[in-house]
């Protein structure tokens, strides 16, 4: 249970950092970005646990998957809108 709490905290931090790092207007709100970070971190922890990874590797998995999920859903590196 304590591990899940750590993954939730990691995800929240990743979501907050994503809001600070991504320049310009973000289509997702702050709470949704944090929620996506939490979901990504918990998912990363579950994947790491399923493959039998240790706690350090589980931490790395949770950070990476949370960051990727936030980046994908917030449109980082994606489409640029141009006025015609």
Protein backbone atom coordinates (compact mmCIF):
# COMPACT_ATOMS: atom_id res chain seq x y z
CA UNK A 1 0.00 0.00 0.00
CA UNK A 2 2.87 2.36 0.78
CA UNK A 3 4.29 1.75 -2.70
CA UNK A 4 1.07 2.91 -4.34
CA UNK A 5 1.16 6.10 -2.27
CA UNK A 6 4.71 6.74 -3.50
CA UNK A 7 3.61 6.23 -7.10
CA UNK A 8 0.73 8.68 -6.58
CA UNK A 9 3.13 11.27 -5.16
CA UNK A 10 5.59 10.70 -8.02
CA UNK A 11 2.80 11.10 -10.56
CA UNK A 12 1.58 14.31 -8.97
CA UNK A 13 5.09 15.77 -9.05
CA UNK A 14 5.56 14.72 -12.69
CA UNK A 15 2.24 16.34 -13.58
CA UNK A 16 3.18 19.57 -11.83
CA UNK A 17 6.63 19.63 -13.43
CA UNK A 18 5.09 19.06 -16.83
CA UNK A 19 2.97 22.17 -16.34
CA UNK A 20 6.08 24.18 -15.54
CA UNK A 21 8.28 22.79 -18.31
CA UNK A 22 5.89 22.89 -21.27
CA UNK A 23 5.89 26.36 -22.81
CA UNK A 24 2.77 28.05 -24.07
CA UNK A 25 -0.84 27.21 -23.56
CA UNK A 26 -1.65 23.67 -22.47
CA UNK A 27 -4.99 22.18 -23.56
CA UNK A 28 -5.32 20.25 -20.28
CA UNK A 29 -6.03 21.85 -16.94
CA UNK A 30 -3.69 21.59 -13.97
CA UNK A 31 -5.76 18.95 -12.17
CA UNK A 32 -6.08 16.81 -15.29
CA UNK A 33 -2.33 17.02 -15.89
CA UNK A 34 -1.68 15.90 -12.31
CA UNK A 35 -4.23 13.09 -12.66
CA UNK A 36 -2.60 11.87 -15.89
CA UNK A 37 0.79 11.92 -14.14
CA UNK A 38 -0.62 9.85 -11.28
CA UNK A 39 -2.18 7.32 -13.65
CA UNK A 40 1.08 7.03 -15.58
CA UNK A 41 3.16 6.56 -12.45
CA UNK A 42 0.83 3.90 -11.03
CA UNK A 43 0.78 2.16 -14.42
CA UNK A 44 4.58 2.26 -14.53
CA UNK A 45 4.76 0.79 -11.04
CA UNK A 46 2.36 -2.00 -11.97
CA UNK A 47 4.37 -2.82 -15.10
CA UNK A 48 7.61 -2.84 -13.11
CA UNK A 49 6.04 -5.09 -10.48
CA UNK A 50 4.73 -7.46 -13.15
CA UNK A 51 8.20 -7.95 -14.63
CA UNK A 52 9.75 -8.40 -11.20
CA UNK A 53 11.79 -5.20 -11.19
CA UNK A 54 13.30 -3.88 -7.99
CA UNK A 55 12.27 -0.68 -6.28
CA UNK A 56 14.80 1.52 -8.11
CA UNK A 57 13.70 0.22 -11.50
CA UNK A 58 10.04 0.57 -10.49
CA UNK A 59 10.70 4.21 -9.62
CA UNK A 60 12.35 4.80 -12.99
CA UNK A 61 9.49 3.05 -14.83
CA UNK A 62 6.90 5.13 -13.02
CA UNK A 63 8.67 8.43 -13.77
CA UNK A 64 9.25 7.60 -17.43
CA UNK A 65 5.74 6.32 -18.14
CA UNK A 66 4.14 9.23 -16.29
CA UNK A 67 6.24 11.74 -18.26
CA UNK A 68 5.46 10.06 -21.58
CA UNK A 69 1.74 9.90 -20.85
CA UNK A 70 1.58 13.57 -19.81
CA UNK A 71 3.58 14.58 -22.89
CA UNK A 72 1.37 12.60 -25.25
CA UNK A 73 -1.90 13.83 -23.82
CA UNK A 74 -0.87 17.46 -23.50
CA UNK A 75 0.30 17.65 -27.11
CA UNK A 76 4.01 18.22 -26.53
CA UNK A 77 5.87 18.06 -29.81
CA UNK A 78 2.61 17.58 -31.60
CA UNK A 79 0.55 19.69 -33.94
CA UNK A 80 1.05 23.39 -34.28
CA UNK A 81 -2.01 25.42 -35.11
CA UNK A 82 -1.66 28.05 -37.81
CA UNK A 83 -4.11 30.74 -38.69
CA UNK A 84 -5.06 30.70 -42.36
